Amino acid sequence: MDKSASMRETLKTYFRKDLGESNFDGLFTSKEKADEAIEKYRTAMSHGAYPVSTNSVLHTVLHIAGLRTSVSDSTLALTNPAFAVRDRMFLGDHDEPVPFWKVGLKKADFVMLDKWKIAYRKD
């Protein structure tokens, strides 16, 4: 199913309940909740070309669910309009984060990063 078809299914699911149909699967409880989910989907899709690390997964899931914790950071959530791209990091010998371009990469490594269009800071 393509992305626009999936969006239509999401909308149909809400409107089935709105129209009083009994086969509604209970995905949304109101039009506002459906609209909020659709907006989060659109925001995530708009961030599709951004360089992202795996640390965004947890924060995105928490944001989708509307959960906040002491460790959640909504600026790491792809569904948040305030999503901020962070430097890609590598864990050094003592589990300290180090920007990956400062771990001794050779010129050939940067050639491959450029070839595969992997974004990184070049300073």
PDB file of N, CA and C in Angstrom:
ATOM      1  N   MET A   1       0.853  -1.168   0.000  1.00  0.00           N
ATOM      2  CA  MET A   1       0.000   0.000   0.000  1.00  0.00           C
ATOM      3  C   MET A   1       0.905   1.239   0.000  1.00  0.00           C
ATOM      4  N   ASP A   2       0.649   2.171  -0.906  1.00  0.00           N
ATOM      5  CA  ASP A   2       1.472   3.384  -0.938  1.00  0.00           C
ATOM      6  C   ASP A   2       1.097   4.321   0.214  1.00  0.00           C
ATOM      7  N   LYS A   3       1.928   5.342   0.433  1.00  0.00           N
ATOM      8  CA  LYS A   3       1.752   6.223   1.591  1.00  0.00           C
ATOM      9  C   LYS A   3       0.438   6.986   1.558  1.00  0.00           C
ATOM     10  N   SER A   4       0.029   7.445   0.380  1.00  0.00           N
ATOM     11  CA  SER A   4      -1.219   8.203   0.319  1.00  0.00           C
ATOM     12  C   SER A   4      -2.421   7.284   0.560  1.00  0.00           C
ATOM     13  N   ALA A   5      -2.320   6.036   0.124  1.00  0.00           N
ATOM     14  CA  ALA A   5      -3.408   5.084   0.386  1.00  0.00           C
ATOM     15  C   ALA A   5      -3.501   4.794   1.884  1.00  0.00           C
ATOM     16  N   SER A   6      -2.348   4.696   2.539  1.00  0.00           N
ATOM     17  CA  SER A   6      -2.328   4.475   3.982  1.00  0.00           C
ATOM     18  C   SER A   6      -2.984   5.642   4.717  1.00  0.00           C
ATOM     19  N   MET A   7      -2.702   6.865   4.273  1.00  0.00           N
ATOM     20  CA  MET A   7      -3.300   8.053   4.885  1.00  0.00           C
ATOM     21  C   MET A   7      -4.823   8.031   4.702  1.00  0.00           C
ATOM     22  N   ARG A   8      -5.271   7.644   3.523  1.00  0.00           N
ATOM     23  CA  ARG A   8      -6.711   7.569   3.279  1.00  0.00           C
ATOM     24  C   ARG A   8      -7.357   6.539   4.201  1.00  0.00           C
ATOM     25  N   GLU A   9      -6.682   5.405   4.419  1.00  0.00           N
ATOM     26  CA  GLU A   9      -7.216   4.386   5.322  1.00  0.00           C
ATOM     27  C   GLU A   9      -7.332   4.939   6.737  1.00  0.00           C
ATOM     28  N   THR A  10      -6.326   5.711   7.174  1.00  0.00           N
ATOM     29  CA  THR A  10      -6.362   6.316   8.500  1.00  0.00           C
ATOM     30  C   THR A  10      -7.556   7.251   8.614  1.00  0.00           C
ATOM     31  N   LEU A  11      -7.750   8.072   7.609  1.00  0.00           N
ATOM     32  CA  LEU A  11      -8.886   8.988   7.628  1.00  0.00           C
ATOM     33  C   LEU A  11     -10.203   8.225   7.609  1.00  0.00           C
ATOM     34  N   LYS A  12     -10.291   7.188   6.783  1.00  0.00           N
ATOM     35  CA  LYS A  12     -11.530   6.414   6.714  1.00  0.00           C
ATOM     36  C   LYS A  12     -11.833   5.774   8.055  1.00  0.00           C
ATOM     37  N   THR A  13     -10.789   5.311   8.749  1.00  0.00           N
ATOM     38  CA  THR A  13     -11.006   4.679  10.047  1.00  0.00           C
ATOM     39  C   THR A  13     -11.678   5.650  11.001  1.00  0.00           C
ATOM     40  N   TYR A  14     -11.216   6.900  11.022  1.00  0.00           N
ATOM     41  CA  TYR A  14     -11.844   7.880  11.906  1.00  0.00           C
ATOM     42  C   TYR A  14     -13.273   8.164  11.460  1.00  0.00           C
ATOM     43  N   PHE A  15     -13.442   8.433  10.187  1.00  0.00           N
ATOM     44  CA  PHE A  15     -14.756   8.866   9.725  1.00  0.00           C
ATOM     45  C   PHE A  15     -15.809   7.761   9.793  1.00  0.00           C
ATOM     46  N   ARG A  16     -15.393   6.493   9.804  1.00  0.00           N
ATOM     47  CA  ARG A  16     -16.366   5.418  10.007  1.00  0.00           C
ATOM     48  C   ARG A  16     -17.069   5.607  11.350  1.00  0.00           C
ATOM     49  N   LYS A  17     -16.288   5.914  12.386  1.00  0.00           N
ATOM     50  CA  LYS A  17     -16.886   6.132  13.700  1.00  0.00           C
ATOM     51  C   LYS A  17     -17.740   7.396  13.673  1.00  0.00           C
ATOM     52  N   ASP A  18     -17.219   8.425  13.034  1.00  0.00           N
ATOM     53  CA  ASP A  18     -17.926   9.689  12.956  1.00  0.00           C
ATOM     54  C   ASP A  18     -19.292   9.514  12.295  1.00  0.00           C
ATOM     55  N   LEU A  19     -19.372   8.593  11.347  1.00  0.00           N
ATOM     56  CA  LEU A  19     -20.632   8.338  10.651  1.00  0.00           C
ATOM     57  C   LEU A  19     -21.498   7.305  11.367  1.00  0.00           C
ATOM     58  N   GLY A  20     -21.024   6.804  12.516  1.00  0.00           N
ATOM     59  CA  GLY A  20     -21.814   5.867  13.305  1.00  0.00           C
ATOM     60  C   GLY A  20     -21.748   4.438  12.817  1.00  0.00           C
ATOM     61  N   GLU A  21     -20.790   4.097  11.985  1.00  0.00           N
ATOM     62  CA  GLU A  21     -20.684   2.715  11.504  1.00  0.00           C
ATOM     63  C   GLU A  21     -20.147   1.824  12.614  1.00  0.00           C
ATOM     64  N   SER A  22     -20.647   0.605  12.673  1.00  0.00           N
ATOM     65  CA  SER A  22     -20.279  -0.289  13.769  1.00  0.00           C
ATOM     66  C   SER A  22     -18.937  -0.983  13.548  1.00  0.00           C
ATOM     67  N   ASN A  23     -18.373  -0.919  12.343  1.00  0.00           N
ATOM     68  CA  ASN A  23     -17.123  -1.628  12.097  1.00  0.00           C
ATOM     69  C   ASN A  23     -15.889  -0.765  12.367  1.00  0.00           C
ATOM     70  N   PHE A  24     -16.067   0.336  13.074  1.00  0.00           N
ATOM     71  CA  PHE A  24     -14.939   1.202  13.420  1.00  0.00           C
ATOM     72  C   PHE A  24     -14.006   0.442  14.348  1.00  0.00           C
ATOM     73  N   ASP A  25     -12.689   0.504  14.060  1.00  0.00           N
ATOM     74  CA  ASP A  25     -11.748  -0.274  14.858  1.00  0.00           C
ATOM     75  C   ASP A  25     -11.202   0.463  16.074  1.00  0.00           C
ATOM     76  N   GLY A  26     -11.667   1.658  16.341  1.00  0.00           N
ATOM     77  CA  GLY A  26     -11.297   2.356  17.554  1.00  0.00           C
ATOM     78  C   GLY A  26      -9.937   3.013  17.529  1.00  0.00           C
ATOM     79  N   LEU A  27      -9.384   3.269  16.356  1.00  0.00           N
ATOM     80  CA  LEU A  27      -8.051   3.849  16.277  1.00  0.00           C
ATOM     81  C   LEU A  27      -8.010   5.256  16.869  1.00  0.00           C
ATOM     82  N   PHE A  28      -8.999   6.071  16.579  1.00  0.00           N
ATOM     83  CA  PHE A  28      -9.053   7.434  17.116  1.00  0.00           C
ATOM     84  C   PHE A  28     -10.376   7.641  17.841  1.00  0.00           C
ATOM     85  N   THR A  29     -10.313   8.475  18.853  1.00  0.00           N
ATOM     86  CA  THR A  29     -11.527   8.745  19.621  1.00  0.00           C
ATOM     87  C   THR A  29     -12.163  10.070  19.245  1.00  0.00           C
ATOM     88  N   SER A  30     -11.454  10.866  18.436  1.00  0.00           N
ATOM     89  CA  SER A  30     -12.022  12.143  18.015  1.00  0.00           C
ATOM     90  C   SER A  30     -11.354  12.591  16.726  1.00  0.00           C
ATOM     91  N   LYS A  31     -11.970  13.528  16.066  1.00  0.00           N
ATOM     92  CA  LYS A  31     -11.386  14.094  14.853  1.00  0.00           C
ATOM     93  C   LYS A  31     -10.074  14.796  15.187  1.00  0.00           C
ATOM     94  N   GLU A  32     -10.005  15.429  16.349  1.00  0.00           N
ATOM     95  CA  GLU A  32      -8.773  16.125  16.758  1.00  0.00           C
ATOM     96  C   GLU A  32      -7.608  15.155  16.886  1.00  0.00           C
ATOM     97  N   LYS A  33      -7.869  13.982  17.490  1.00  0.00           N
ATOM     98  CA  LYS A  33      -6.802  12.969  17.636  1.00  0.00           C
ATOM     99  C   LYS A  33      -6.375  12.446  16.263  1.00  0.00           C
ATOM    100  N   ALA A  34      -7.326  12.253  15.375  1.00  0.00           N
ATOM    101  CA  ALA A  34      -6.993  11.804  14.020  1.00  0.00           C
ATOM    102  C   ALA A  34      -6.165  12.861  13.309  1.00  0.00           C
ATOM    103  N   ASP A  35      -6.568  14.121  13.426  1.00  0.00           N
ATOM    104  CA  ASP A  35      -5.826  15.213  12.793  1.00  0.00           C
ATOM    105  C   ASP A  35      -4.408  15.324  13.360  1.00  0.00           C
ATOM    106  N   GLU A  36      -4.270  15.128  14.666  1.00  0.00           N
ATOM    107  CA  GLU A  36      -2.953  15.187  15.302  1.00  0.00           C
ATOM    108  C   GLU A  36      -2.051  14.068  14.776  1.00  0.00           C
ATOM    109  N   ALA A  37      -2.599  12.875  14.640  1.00  0.00           N
ATOM    110  CA  ALA A  37      -1.817  11.750  14.124  1.00  0.00           C
ATOM    111  C   ALA A  37      -1.403  11.994  12.673  1.00  0.00           C
ATOM    112  N   ILE A  38      -2.302  12.536  11.902  1.00  0.00           N
ATOM    113  CA  ILE A  38      -1.999  12.824  10.493  1.00  0.00           C
ATOM    114  C   ILE A  38      -0.916  13.885  10.401  1.00  0.00           C
ATOM    115  N   GLU A  39      -0.967  14.888  11.250  1.00  0.00           N
ATOM    116  CA  GLU A  39       0.064  15.939  11.251  1.00  0.00           C
ATOM    117  C   GLU A  39       1.427  15.376  11.652  1.00  0.00           C
ATOM    118  N   LYS A  40       1.455  14.481  12.628  1.00  0.00           N
ATOM    119  CA  LYS A  40       2.717  13.848  13.024  1.00  0.00           C
ATOM    120  C   LYS A  40       3.280  13.018  11.871  1.00  0.00           C
ATOM    121  N   TYR A  41       2.408  12.319  11.166  1.00  0.00           N
ATOM    122  CA  TYR A  41       2.833  11.535   9.998  1.00  0.00           C
ATOM    123  C   TYR A  41       3.443  12.453   8.942  1.00  0.00           C
ATOM    124  N   ARG A  42       2.765  13.545   8.641  1.00  0.00           N
ATOM    125  CA  ARG A  42       3.274  14.484   7.629  1.00  0.00           C
ATOM    126  C   ARG A  42       4.612  15.091   8.057  1.00  0.00           C
ATOM    127  N   THR A  43       4.732  15.418   9.325  1.00  0.00           N
ATOM    128  CA  THR A  43       5.986  15.985   9.828  1.00  0.00           C
ATOM    129  C   THR A  43       7.120  14.976   9.698  1.00  0.00           C
ATOM    130  N   ALA A  44       6.858  13.733  10.073  1.00  0.00           N
ATOM    131  CA  ALA A  44       7.885  12.691   9.947  1.00  0.00           C
ATOM    132  C   ALA A  44       8.297  12.518   8.484  1.00  0.00           C
ATOM    133  N   MET A  45       7.330  12.547   7.584  1.00  0.00           N
ATOM    134  CA  MET A  45       7.653  12.394   6.157  1.00  0.00           C
ATOM    135  C   MET A  45       8.474  13.577   5.659  1.00  0.00           C
ATOM    136  N   SER A  46       8.240  14.764   6.204  1.00  0.00           N
ATOM    137  CA  SER A  46       9.003  15.935   5.773  1.00  0.00           C
ATOM    138  C   SER A  46      10.458  15.860   6.243  1.00  0.00           C
ATOM    139  N   HIS A  47      10.734  15.028   7.236  1.00  0.00           N
ATOM    140  CA  HIS A  47      12.092  14.841   7.732  1.00  0.00           C
ATOM    141  C   HIS A  47      12.768  13.630   7.084  1.00  0.00           C
ATOM    142  N   GLY A  48      12.166  13.093   6.042  1.00  0.00           N
ATOM    143  CA  GLY A  48      12.651  11.861   5.423  1.00  0.00           C
ATOM    144  C   GLY A  48      14.065  11.907   4.882  1.00  0.00           C
ATOM    145  N   ALA A  49      14.530  13.056   4.457  1.00  0.00           N
ATOM    146  CA  ALA A  49      15.871  13.153   3.872  1.00  0.00           C
ATOM    147  C   ALA A  49      16.917  13.612   4.885  1.00  0.00           C
ATOM    148  N   TYR A  50      16.518  13.814   6.135  1.00  0.00           N
ATOM    149  CA  TYR A  50      17.448  14.299   7.146  1.00  0.00           C
ATOM    150  C   TYR A  50      18.389  13.178   7.594  1.00  0.00           C
ATOM    151  N   PRO A  51      19.632  13.516   7.933  1.00  0.00           N
ATOM    152  CA  PRO A  51      20.517  12.502   8.505  1.00  0.00           C
ATOM    153  C   PRO A  51      20.084  12.222   9.943  1.00  0.00           C
ATOM    154  N   VAL A  52      19.747  10.982  10.227  1.00  0.00           N
ATOM    155  CA  VAL A  52      19.211  10.628  11.529  1.00  0.00           C
ATOM    156  C   VAL A  52      19.996   9.455  12.103  1.00  0.00           C
ATOM    157  N   SER A  53      20.116   9.434  13.397  1.00  0.00           N
ATOM    158  CA  SER A  53      20.751   8.308  14.082  1.00  0.00           C
ATOM    159  C   SER A  53      19.693   7.493  14.804  1.00  0.00           C
ATOM    160  N   THR A  54      20.074   6.301  15.228  1.00  0.00           N
ATOM    161  CA  THR A  54      19.107   5.410  15.875  1.00  0.00           C
ATOM    162  C   THR A  54      18.579   5.963  17.192  1.00  0.00           C
ATOM    163  N   ASN A  55      19.263   6.937  17.778  1.00  0.00           N
ATOM    164  CA  ASN A  55      18.760   7.483  19.039  1.00  0.00           C
ATOM    165  C   ASN A  55      17.453   8.248  18.851  1.00  0.00           C
ATOM    166  N   SER A  56      17.059   8.511  17.623  1.00  0.00           N
ATOM    167  CA  SER A  56      15.774   9.187  17.377  1.00  0.00           C
ATOM    168  C   SER A  56      14.577   8.240  17.471  1.00  0.00           C
ATOM    169  N   VAL A  57      14.816   6.947  17.392  1.00  0.00           N
ATOM    170  CA  VAL A  57      13.703   5.989  17.376  1.00  0.00           C
ATOM    171  C   VAL A  57      12.878   6.068  18.658  1.00  0.00           C
ATOM    172  N   LEU A  58      13.521   5.938  19.800  1.00  0.00           N
ATOM    173  CA  LEU A  58      12.793   5.968  21.075  1.00  0.00           C
ATOM    174  C   LEU A  58      12.019   7.267  21.235  1.00  0.00           C
ATOM    175  N   HIS A  59      12.660   8.383  20.942  1.00  0.00           N
ATOM    176  CA  HIS A  59      12.018   9.682  21.137  1.00  0.00           C
ATOM    177  C   HIS A  59      10.843   9.877  20.171  1.00  0.00           C
ATOM    178  N   THR A  60      10.963   9.318  18.965  1.00  0.00           N
ATOM    179  CA  THR A  60       9.858   9.397  17.999  1.00  0.00           C
ATOM    180  C   THR A  60       8.673   8.573  18.482  1.00  0.00           C
ATOM    181  N   VAL A  61       8.927   7.366  18.965  1.00  0.00           N
ATOM    182  CA  VAL A  61       7.833   6.511  19.471  1.00  0.00           C
ATOM    183  C   VAL A  61       7.148   7.170  20.672  1.00  0.00           C
ATOM    184  N   LEU A  62       7.941   7.727  21.576  1.00  0.00           N
ATOM    185  CA  LEU A  62       7.350   8.415  22.730  1.00  0.00           C
ATOM    186  C   LEU A  62       6.496   9.599  22.283  1.00  0.00           C
ATOM    187  N   HIS A  63       6.977  10.351  21.287  1.00  0.00           N
ATOM    188  CA  HIS A  63       6.234  11.507  20.798  1.00  0.00           C
ATOM    189  C   HIS A  63       4.934  11.084  20.116  1.00  0.00           C
ATOM    190  N   ILE A  64       4.989  10.027  19.333  1.00  0.00           N
ATOM    191  CA  ILE A  64       3.773   9.519  18.675  1.00  0.00           C
ATOM    192  C   ILE A  64       2.730   9.135  19.724  1.00  0.00           C
ATOM    193  N   ALA A  65       3.194   8.480  20.784  1.00  0.00           N
ATOM    194  CA  ALA A  65       2.278   8.023  21.834  1.00  0.00           C
ATOM    195  C   ALA A  65       1.849   9.147  22.774  1.00  0.00           C
ATOM    196  N   GLY A  66       2.492  10.310  22.664  1.00  0.00           N
ATOM    197  CA  GLY A  66       2.156  11.420  23.548  1.00  0.00           C
ATOM    198  C   GLY A  66       2.687  11.231  24.958  1.00  0.00           C
ATOM    199  N   LEU A  67       3.764  10.469  25.093  1.00  0.00           N
ATOM    200  CA  LEU A  67       4.347  10.203  26.410  1.00  0.00           C
ATOM    201  C   LEU A  67       5.560  11.092  26.654  1.00  0.00           C
ATOM    202  N   ARG A  68       5.721  11.497  27.902  1.00  0.00           N
ATOM    203  CA  ARG A  68       6.899  12.269  28.304  1.00  0.00           C
ATOM    204  C   ARG A  68       7.536  11.567  29.490  1.00  0.00           C
ATOM    205  N   THR A  69       8.850  11.503  29.470  1.00  0.00           N
ATOM    206  CA  THR A  69       9.587  10.920  30.592  1.00  0.00           C
ATOM    207  C   THR A  69      10.721  11.864  30.964  1.00  0.00           C
ATOM    208  N   SER A  70      11.444  11.518  31.997  1.00  0.00           N
ATOM    209  CA  SER A  70      12.567  12.362  32.419  1.00  0.00           C
ATOM    210  C   SER A  70      13.711  12.328  31.407  1.00  0.00           C
ATOM    211  N   VAL A  71      13.730  11.322  30.541  1.00  0.00           N
ATOM    212  CA  VAL A  71      14.816  11.218  29.556  1.00  0.00           C
ATOM    213  C   VAL A  71      14.366  11.518  28.123  1.00  0.00           C
ATOM    214  N   SER A  72      13.082  11.735  27.920  1.00  0.00           N
ATOM    215  CA  SER A  72      12.622  11.996  26.553  1.00  0.00           C
ATOM    216  C   SER A  72      13.043  13.389  26.100  1.00  0.00           C
ATOM    217  N   ASP A  73      13.338  13.487  24.817  1.00  0.00           N
ATOM    218  CA  ASP A  73      13.755  14.755  24.210  1.00  0.00           C
ATOM    219  C   ASP A  73      12.995  14.889  22.899  1.00  0.00           C
ATOM    220  N   SER A  74      11.948  15.683  22.898  1.00  0.00           N
ATOM    221  CA  SER A  74      11.084  15.770  21.719  1.00  0.00           C
ATOM    222  C   SER A  74      11.802  16.356  20.506  1.00  0.00           C
ATOM    223  N   THR A  75      12.938  17.045  20.709  1.00  0.00           N
ATOM    224  CA  THR A  75      13.669  17.562  19.539  1.00  0.00           C
ATOM    225  C   THR A  75      14.409  16.451  18.796  1.00  0.00           C
ATOM    226  N   LEU A  76      14.406  15.243  19.360  1.00  0.00           N
ATOM    227  CA  LEU A  76      14.953  14.078  18.655  1.00  0.00           C
ATOM    228  C   LEU A  76      13.859  13.275  17.952  1.00  0.00           C
ATOM    229  N   ALA A  77      12.598  13.676  18.113  1.00  0.00           N
ATOM    230  CA  ALA A  77      11.468  12.957  17.513  1.00  0.00           C
ATOM    231  C   ALA A  77      11.222  13.448  16.090  1.00  0.00           C
ATOM    232  N   LEU A  78      11.234  12.528  15.139  1.00  0.00           N
ATOM    233  CA  LEU A  78      10.993  12.887  13.740  1.00  0.00           C
ATOM    234  C   LEU A  78       9.587  13.413  13.509  1.00  0.00           C
ATOM    235  N   THR A  79       8.681  13.145  14.426  1.00  0.00           N
ATOM    236  CA  THR A  79       7.297  13.597  14.308  1.00  0.00           C
ATOM    237  C   THR A  79       7.095  14.995  14.875  1.00  0.00           C
ATOM    238  N   ASN A  80       8.139  15.597  15.383  1.00  0.00           N
ATOM    239  CA  ASN A  80       8.065  16.926  15.982  1.00  0.00           C
ATOM    240  C   ASN A  80       8.586  17.960  14.984  1.00  0.00           C
ATOM    241  N   PRO A  81       7.824  19.031  14.722  1.00  0.00           N
ATOM    242  CA  PRO A  81       8.320  20.077  13.815  1.00  0.00           C
ATOM    243  C   PRO A  81       9.633  20.691  14.291  1.00  0.00           C
ATOM    244  N   ALA A  82       9.914  20.623  15.597  1.00  0.00           N
ATOM    245  CA  ALA A  82      11.152  21.187  16.152  1.00  0.00           C
ATOM    246  C   ALA A  82      12.317  20.187  16.126  1.00  0.00           C
ATOM    247  N   PHE A  83      12.175  19.089  15.373  1.00  0.00           N
ATOM    248  CA  PHE A  83      13.254  18.098  15.267  1.00  0.00           C
ATOM    249  C   PHE A  83      14.555  18.791  14.887  1.00  0.00           C
ATOM    250  N   ALA A  84      15.623  18.448  15.583  1.00  0.00           N
ATOM    251  CA  ALA A  84      16.931  19.061  15.326  1.00  0.00           C
ATOM    252  C   ALA A  84      17.945  17.982  14.955  1.00  0.00           C
ATOM    253  N   VAL A  85      18.628  18.184  13.844  1.00  0.00           N
ATOM    254  CA  VAL A  85      19.675  17.256  13.422  1.00  0.00           C
ATOM    255  C   VAL A  85      20.853  17.402  14.379  1.00  0.00           C
ATOM    256  N   ARG A  86      21.350  16.276  14.850  1.00  0.00           N
ATOM    257  CA  ARG A  86      22.504  16.264  15.749  1.00  0.00           C
ATOM    258  C   ARG A  86      23.708  15.667  15.026  1.00  0.00           C
ATOM    259  N   ASP A  87      24.887  15.960  15.533  1.00  0.00           N
ATOM    260  CA  ASP A  87      26.086  15.335  14.990  1.00  0.00           C
ATOM    261  C   ASP A  87      26.027  13.832  15.208  1.00  0.00           C
ATOM    262  N   ARG A  88      26.506  13.090  14.230  1.00  0.00           N
ATOM    263  CA  ARG A  88      26.594  11.642  14.397  1.00  0.00           C
ATOM    264  C   ARG A  88      27.777  11.349  15.305  1.00  0.00           C
ATOM    265  N   MET A  89      27.567  10.431  16.223  1.00  0.00           N
ATOM    266  CA  MET A  89      28.586  10.145  17.221  1.00  0.00           C
ATOM    267  C   MET A  89      29.025   8.686  17.174  1.00  0.00           C
ATOM    268  N   PHE A  90      30.211   8.484  17.700  1.00  0.00           N
ATOM    269  CA  PHE A  90      30.803   7.159  17.835  1.00  0.00           C
ATOM    270  C   PHE A  90      31.170   7.023  19.308  1.00  0.00           C
ATOM    271  N   LEU A  91      30.930   5.855  19.899  1.00  0.00           N
ATOM    272  CA  LEU A  91      31.322   5.668  21.291  1.00  0.00           C
ATOM    273  C   LEU A  91      32.789   5.279  21.330  1.00  0.00           C
ATOM    274  N   GLY A  92      33.585   6.089  22.011  1.00  0.00           N
ATOM    275  CA  GLY A  92      35.014   5.841  22.117  1.00  0.00           C
ATOM    276  C   GLY A  92      35.325   4.721  23.091  1.00  0.00           C
ATOM    277  N   ASP A  93      36.597   4.584  23.397  1.00  0.00           N
ATOM    278  CA  ASP A  93      37.076   3.494  24.257  1.00  0.00           C
ATOM    279  C   ASP A  93      36.446   3.495  25.646  1.00  0.00           C
ATOM    280  N   HIS A  94      36.063   4.655  26.130  1.00  0.00           N
ATOM    281  CA  HIS A  94      35.492   4.753  27.474  1.00  0.00           C
ATOM    282  C   HIS A  94      34.018   5.116  27.420  1.00  0.00           C
ATOM    283  N   ASP A  95      33.349   4.695  26.349  1.00  0.00           N
ATOM    284  CA  ASP A  95      31.923   4.956  26.142  1.00  0.00           C
ATOM    285  C   ASP A  95      31.582   6.438  26.185  1.00  0.00           C
ATOM    286  N   GLU A  96      32.515   7.253  25.765  1.00  0.00           N
ATOM    287  CA  GLU A  96      32.283   8.686  25.643  1.00  0.00           C
ATOM    288  C   GLU A  96      31.940   8.989  24.187  1.00  0.00           C
ATOM    289  N   PRO A  97      30.895   9.794  23.938  1.00  0.00           N
ATOM    290  CA  PRO A  97      30.555  10.106  22.549  1.00  0.00           C
ATOM    291  C   PRO A  97      31.611  11.008  21.905  1.00  0.00           C
ATOM    292  N   VAL A  98      32.004  10.622  20.696  1.00  0.00           N
ATOM    293  CA  VAL A  98      32.983  11.380  19.920  1.00  0.00           C
ATOM    294  C   VAL A  98      32.385  11.595  18.541  1.00  0.00           C
ATOM    295  N   PRO A  99      32.419  12.824  18.008  1.00  0.00           N
ATOM    296  CA  PRO A  99      31.928  13.011  16.636  1.00  0.00           C
ATOM    297  C   PRO A  99      32.671  12.040  15.706  1.00  0.00           C
ATOM    298  N   PHE A 100      31.948  11.335  14.869  1.00  0.00           N
ATOM    299  CA  PHE A 100      32.566  10.239  14.126  1.00  0.00           C
ATOM    300  C   PHE A 100      33.669  10.690  13.184  1.00  0.00           C
ATOM    301  N   TRP A 101      33.640  11.933  12.730  1.00  0.00           N
ATOM    302  CA  TRP A 101      34.700  12.386  11.834  1.00  0.00           C
ATOM    303  C   TRP A 101      35.997  12.674  12.584  1.00  0.00           C
ATOM    304  N   LYS A 102      35.956  12.588  13.934  1.00  0.00           N
ATOM    305  CA  LYS A 102      37.162  12.827  14.728  1.00  0.00           C
ATOM    306  C   LYS A 102      37.751  11.531  15.298  1.00  0.00           C
ATOM    307  N   VAL A 103      37.394  10.393  14.716  1.00  0.00           N
ATOM    308  CA  VAL A 103      37.902   9.120  15.232  1.00  0.00           C
ATOM    309  C   VAL A 103      39.008   8.541  14.352  1.00  0.00           C
ATOM    310  N   GLY A 104      39.602   9.379  13.530  1.00  0.00           N
ATOM    311  CA  GLY A 104      40.732   8.915  12.731  1.00  0.00           C
ATOM    312  C   GLY A 104      40.357   8.379  11.357  1.00  0.00           C
ATOM    313  N   LEU A 105      39.283   8.879  10.789  1.00  0.00           N
ATOM    314  CA  LEU A 105      38.909   8.434   9.452  1.00  0.00           C
ATOM    315  C   LEU A 105      39.947   8.917   8.438  1.00  0.00           C
ATOM    316  N   LYS A 106      40.143   8.106   7.413  1.00  0.00           N
ATOM    317  CA  LYS A 106      41.091   8.450   6.355  1.00  0.00           C
ATOM    318  C   LYS A 106      40.357   9.115   5.196  1.00  0.00           C
ATOM    319  N   LYS A 107      41.111   9.686   4.285  1.00  0.00           N
ATOM    320  CA  LYS A 107      40.521  10.367   3.134  1.00  0.00           C
ATOM    321  C   LYS A 107      39.578   9.431   2.371  1.00  0.00           C
ATOM    322  N   ALA A 108      39.976   8.178   2.216  1.00  0.00           N
ATOM    323  CA  ALA A 108      39.140   7.200   1.503  1.00  0.00           C
ATOM    324  C   ALA A 108      37.786   7.011   2.199  1.00  0.00           C
ATOM    325  N   ASP A 109      37.775   7.106   3.529  1.00  0.00           N
ATOM    326  CA  ASP A 109      36.516   6.981   4.277  1.00  0.00           C
ATOM    327  C   ASP A 109      35.570   8.129   3.923  1.00  0.00           C
ATOM    328  N   PHE A 110      36.116   9.331   3.857  1.00  0.00           N
ATOM    329  CA  PHE A 110      35.287  10.489   3.518  1.00  0.00           C
ATOM    330  C   PHE A 110      34.814  10.436   2.068  1.00  0.00           C
ATOM    331  N   VAL A 111      35.635   9.874   1.182  1.00  0.00           N
ATOM    332  CA  VAL A 111      35.220   9.692  -0.213  1.00  0.00           C
ATOM    333  C   VAL A 111      33.991   8.780  -0.255  1.00  0.00           C
ATOM    334  N   MET A 112      34.009   7.702   0.525  1.00  0.00           N
ATOM    335  CA  MET A 112      32.865   6.782   0.557  1.00  0.00           C
ATOM    336  C   MET A 112      31.638   7.428   1.194  1.00  0.00           C
ATOM    337  N   LEU A 113      31.839   8.217   2.252  1.00  0.00           N
ATOM    338  CA  LEU A 113      30.710   8.922   2.864  1.00  0.00           C
ATOM    339  C   LEU A 113      30.040   9.832   1.842  1.00  0.00           C
ATOM    340  N   ASP A 114      30.870  10.535   1.071  1.00  0.00           N
ATOM    341  CA  ASP A 114      30.323  11.418   0.035  1.00  0.00           C
ATOM    342  C   ASP A 114      29.650  10.619  -1.071  1.00  0.00           C
ATOM    343  N   LYS A 115      30.267   9.517  -1.469  1.00  0.00           N
ATOM    344  CA  LYS A 115      29.703   8.685  -2.538  1.00  0.00           C
ATOM    345  C   LYS A 115      28.309   8.189  -2.160  1.00  0.00           C
ATOM    346  N   TRP A 116      28.133   7.768  -0.914  1.00  0.00           N
ATOM    347  CA  TRP A 116      26.851   7.232  -0.463  1.00  0.00           C
ATOM    348  C   TRP A 116      25.938   8.310   0.110  1.00  0.00           C
ATOM    349  N   LYS A 117      26.357   9.578  -0.043  1.00  0.00           N
ATOM    350  CA  LYS A 117      25.553  10.732   0.380  1.00  0.00           C
ATOM    351  C   LYS A 117      25.172  10.661   1.859  1.00  0.00           C
ATOM    352  N   ILE A 118      26.141  10.270   2.671  1.00  0.00           N
ATOM    353  CA  ILE A 118      25.945  10.254   4.122  1.00  0.00           C
ATOM    354  C   ILE A 118      26.362  11.625   4.644  1.00  0.00           C
ATOM    355  N   ALA A 119      25.418  12.318   5.239  1.00  0.00           N
ATOM    356  CA  ALA A 119      25.669  13.693   5.683  1.00  0.00           C
ATOM    357  C   ALA A 119      26.540  13.715   6.929  1.00  0.00           C
ATOM    358  N   TYR A 120      27.443  14.664   6.965  1.00  0.00           N
ATOM    359  CA  TYR A 120      28.296  14.879   8.119  1.00  0.00           C
ATOM    360  C   TYR A 120      28.838  16.292   8.068  1.00  0.00           C
ATOM    361  N   ARG A 121      29.236  16.790   9.225  1.00  0.00           N
ATOM    362  CA  ARG A 121      29.850  18.120   9.265  1.00  0.00           C
ATOM    363  C   ARG A 121      31.257  18.011   8.721  1.00  0.00           C
ATOM    364  N   LYS A 122      31.660  18.986   7.936  1.00  0.00           N
ATOM    365  CA  LYS A 122      32.957  18.905   7.286  1.00  0.00           C
ATOM    366  C   LYS A 122      33.955  19.880   7.889  1.00  0.00           C
ATOM    367  N   ASP A 123      33.775  20.252   9.150  1.00  0.00           N
ATOM    368  CA  ASP A 123      34.717  21.195   9.762  1.00  0.00           C
ATOM    369  C   ASP A 123      35.669  20.529  10.713  1.00  0.00           C
TER     370      ASP A 123
END
